[in-house]
Amino acid sequence: MTAGFPDQKVMAELNLTDDQKTKITGFLDDARTKIKELREAAKGDRERAKEQLKTIVQETREKVLGV
């Protein structure tokens, strides 16, 4: 199981190259770090955190789809 891309079946079905797997794993690891930091900084402001989370998810999606 790869840390950033845990579903081996999906990776196999997508027929990703090692370079693509590395890039995607990096994007997902980065997003995971940003989300963790967001949770720690939100301090109960759920609406603000929700908007920032949407931005992180959208940016990550765009990066992954660019691979």
N, C-alpha and C. Protein backbone atom coordinates (compact mmCIF):
# COMPACT_ATOMS: atom_id res chain seq x y z
N MET A 1 0.83 -1.18 0.00
CA MET A 1 0.00 0.00 0.00
C MET A 1 0.88 1.25 0.00
N THR A 2 0.63 2.17 -0.92
CA THR A 2 1.38 3.41 -1.01
C THR A 2 0.74 4.44 -0.09
N ALA A 3 1.53 5.21 0.64
CA ALA A 3 1.01 6.13 1.64
C ALA A 3 -0.01 7.11 1.09
N GLY A 4 0.29 7.78 0.00
CA GLY A 4 -0.60 8.80 -0.52
C GLY A 4 -1.67 8.26 -1.43
N PHE A 5 -1.52 7.09 -1.94
CA PHE A 5 -2.46 6.51 -2.90
C PHE A 5 -2.70 5.06 -2.48
N PRO A 6 -3.53 4.87 -1.46
CA PRO A 6 -3.63 3.56 -0.83
C PRO A 6 -4.31 2.48 -1.64
N ASP A 7 -5.08 2.82 -2.66
CA ASP A 7 -5.82 1.80 -3.37
C ASP A 7 -5.01 1.26 -4.55
N GLN A 8 -4.35 0.15 -4.33
CA GLN A 8 -3.50 -0.46 -5.36
C GLN A 8 -4.32 -0.86 -6.59
N LYS A 9 -5.56 -1.27 -6.38
CA LYS A 9 -6.42 -1.67 -7.49
C LYS A 9 -6.67 -0.48 -8.42
N VAL A 10 -6.93 0.67 -7.83
CA VAL A 10 -7.17 1.87 -8.64
C VAL A 10 -5.91 2.22 -9.43
N MET A 11 -4.77 2.18 -8.77
CA MET A 11 -3.52 2.49 -9.46
C MET A 11 -3.30 1.55 -10.64
N ALA A 12 -3.58 0.27 -10.42
CA ALA A 12 -3.39 -0.71 -11.49
C ALA A 12 -4.36 -0.45 -12.64
N GLU A 13 -5.61 -0.14 -12.32
CA GLU A 13 -6.61 0.11 -13.36
C GLU A 13 -6.30 1.38 -14.15
N LEU A 14 -5.70 2.36 -13.50
CA LEU A 14 -5.35 3.60 -14.18
C LEU A 14 -4.07 3.44 -15.01
N ASN A 15 -3.33 2.36 -14.74
CA ASN A 15 -2.10 2.08 -15.47
C ASN A 15 -1.12 3.27 -15.37
N LEU A 16 -0.92 3.75 -14.16
CA LEU A 16 -0.05 4.90 -13.92
C LEU A 16 1.42 4.50 -14.01
N THR A 17 2.23 5.40 -14.52
CA THR A 17 3.67 5.17 -14.51
C THR A 17 4.19 5.44 -13.10
N ASP A 18 5.41 5.01 -12.83
CA ASP A 18 6.01 5.28 -11.52
C ASP A 18 6.11 6.77 -11.27
N ASP A 19 6.45 7.54 -12.31
CA ASP A 19 6.54 8.99 -12.18
C ASP A 19 5.18 9.59 -11.82
N GLN A 20 4.13 9.13 -12.46
CA GLN A 20 2.79 9.63 -12.16
C GLN A 20 2.39 9.28 -10.72
N LYS A 21 2.69 8.06 -10.31
CA LYS A 21 2.38 7.63 -8.94
C LYS A 21 3.10 8.52 -7.93
N THR A 22 4.37 8.81 -8.21
CA THR A 22 5.17 9.65 -7.31
C THR A 22 4.58 11.05 -7.22
N LYS A 23 4.23 11.63 -8.37
CA LYS A 23 3.65 12.97 -8.37
C LYS A 23 2.33 13.01 -7.62
N ILE A 24 1.46 12.07 -7.90
CA ILE A 24 0.14 12.04 -7.26
C ILE A 24 0.28 11.83 -5.76
N THR A 25 1.16 10.92 -5.38
CA THR A 25 1.39 10.69 -3.95
C THR A 25 1.86 11.96 -3.27
N GLY A 26 2.75 12.71 -3.93
CA GLY A 26 3.23 13.97 -3.37
C GLY A 26 2.11 14.99 -3.21
N PHE A 27 1.24 15.09 -4.23
CA PHE A 27 0.11 16.02 -4.15
C PHE A 27 -0.82 15.65 -3.00
N LEU A 28 -1.10 14.36 -2.85
CA LEU A 28 -2.01 13.92 -1.79
C LEU A 28 -1.38 14.09 -0.40
N ASP A 29 -0.09 13.82 -0.29
CA ASP A 29 0.60 14.03 0.99
C ASP A 29 0.58 15.51 1.37
N ASP A 30 0.81 16.38 0.38
CA ASP A 30 0.78 17.82 0.61
C ASP A 30 -0.61 18.26 1.07
N ALA A 31 -1.65 17.75 0.41
CA ALA A 31 -3.02 18.10 0.78
C ALA A 31 -3.32 17.62 2.20
N ARG A 32 -2.87 16.42 2.54
CA ARG A 32 -3.09 15.88 3.87
C ARG A 32 -2.44 16.77 4.93
N THR A 33 -1.24 17.26 4.64
CA THR A 33 -0.54 18.16 5.57
C THR A 33 -1.31 19.47 5.72
N LYS A 34 -1.76 20.05 4.60
CA LYS A 34 -2.51 21.30 4.64
C LYS A 34 -3.81 21.14 5.42
N ILE A 35 -4.49 20.01 5.25
CA ILE A 35 -5.74 19.77 5.97
C ILE A 35 -5.49 19.64 7.46
N LYS A 36 -4.42 18.96 7.81
CA LYS A 36 -4.07 18.83 9.24
C LYS A 36 -3.80 20.20 9.85
N GLU A 37 -3.03 21.02 9.14
CA GLU A 37 -2.73 22.37 9.62
C GLU A 37 -4.01 23.20 9.72
N LEU A 38 -4.90 23.03 8.76
CA LEU A 38 -6.17 23.76 8.76
C LEU A 38 -6.99 23.40 9.98
N ARG A 39 -7.08 22.13 10.27
CA ARG A 39 -7.84 21.68 11.46
C ARG A 39 -7.27 22.29 12.73
N GLU A 40 -5.96 22.31 12.83
CA GLU A 40 -5.31 22.86 14.03
C GLU A 40 -5.53 24.36 14.14
N ALA A 41 -5.57 25.06 13.01
CA ALA A 41 -5.70 26.51 13.02
C ALA A 41 -7.16 26.98 13.09
N ALA A 42 -8.10 26.12 12.73
CA ALA A 42 -9.51 26.53 12.64
C ALA A 42 -10.10 26.94 13.98
N LYS A 43 -9.73 26.27 15.01
CA LYS A 43 -10.19 26.57 16.37
C LYS A 43 -11.70 26.84 16.43
N GLY A 44 -12.47 25.94 15.84
CA GLY A 44 -13.91 26.03 15.94
C GLY A 44 -14.61 26.84 14.86
N ASP A 45 -13.88 27.53 14.03
CA ASP A 45 -14.49 28.31 12.95
C ASP A 45 -14.75 27.38 11.77
N ARG A 46 -15.84 26.64 11.86
CA ARG A 46 -16.14 25.60 10.88
C ARG A 46 -16.39 26.15 9.49
N GLU A 47 -17.06 27.28 9.38
CA GLU A 47 -17.37 27.84 8.06
C GLU A 47 -16.10 28.25 7.32
N ARG A 48 -15.21 28.91 8.02
CA ARG A 48 -13.95 29.32 7.40
C ARG A 48 -13.14 28.09 7.00
N ALA A 49 -13.09 27.11 7.90
CA ALA A 49 -12.35 25.89 7.61
C ALA A 49 -12.97 25.16 6.42
N LYS A 50 -14.29 25.16 6.33
CA LYS A 50 -14.98 24.48 5.23
C LYS A 50 -14.60 25.11 3.89
N GLU A 51 -14.56 26.42 3.82
CA GLU A 51 -14.19 27.11 2.59
C GLU A 51 -12.74 26.83 2.21
N GLN A 52 -11.86 26.86 3.19
CA GLN A 52 -10.45 26.58 2.92
C GLN A 52 -10.26 25.13 2.50
N LEU A 53 -11.02 24.23 3.09
CA LEU A 53 -10.93 22.82 2.72
C LEU A 53 -11.36 22.63 1.27
N LYS A 54 -12.42 23.31 0.87
CA LYS A 54 -12.87 23.22 -0.52
C LYS A 54 -11.77 23.67 -1.47
N THR A 55 -11.06 24.73 -1.09
CA THR A 55 -9.96 25.23 -1.92
C THR A 55 -8.84 24.20 -2.02
N ILE A 56 -8.47 23.60 -0.90
CA ILE A 56 -7.41 22.59 -0.89
C ILE A 56 -7.79 21.41 -1.77
N VAL A 57 -9.03 20.95 -1.64
CA VAL A 57 -9.49 19.82 -2.43
C VAL A 57 -9.48 20.15 -3.92
N GLN A 58 -9.97 21.33 -4.28
CA GLN A 58 -10.00 21.73 -5.68
C GLN A 58 -8.59 21.84 -6.27
N GLU A 59 -7.69 22.47 -5.53
CA GLU A 59 -6.31 22.61 -6.00
C GLU A 59 -5.66 21.24 -6.19
N THR A 60 -5.89 20.34 -5.25
CA THR A 60 -5.31 19.00 -5.33
C THR A 60 -5.90 18.25 -6.52
N ARG A 61 -7.21 18.35 -6.70
CA ARG A 61 -7.86 17.69 -7.84
C ARG A 61 -7.26 18.17 -9.16
N GLU A 62 -7.06 19.48 -9.30
CA GLU A 62 -6.49 20.04 -10.52
C GLU A 62 -5.08 19.53 -10.76
N LYS A 63 -4.29 19.45 -9.70
CA LYS A 63 -2.92 18.94 -9.83
C LYS A 63 -2.91 17.49 -10.29
N VAL A 64 -3.76 16.67 -9.65
CA VAL A 64 -3.81 15.24 -9.97
C VAL A 64 -4.28 15.06 -11.41
N LEU A 65 -5.30 15.77 -11.80
CA LEU A 65 -5.82 15.64 -13.17
C LEU A 65 -4.81 16.13 -14.21
N GLY A 66 -3.88 16.98 -13.80
CA GLY A 66 -2.85 17.48 -14.69
C GLY A 66 -1.75 16.47 -14.97
N VAL A 67 -1.73 15.41 -14.18
CA VAL A 67 -0.72 14.36 -14.36
C VAL A 67 -1.22 13.46 -15.44
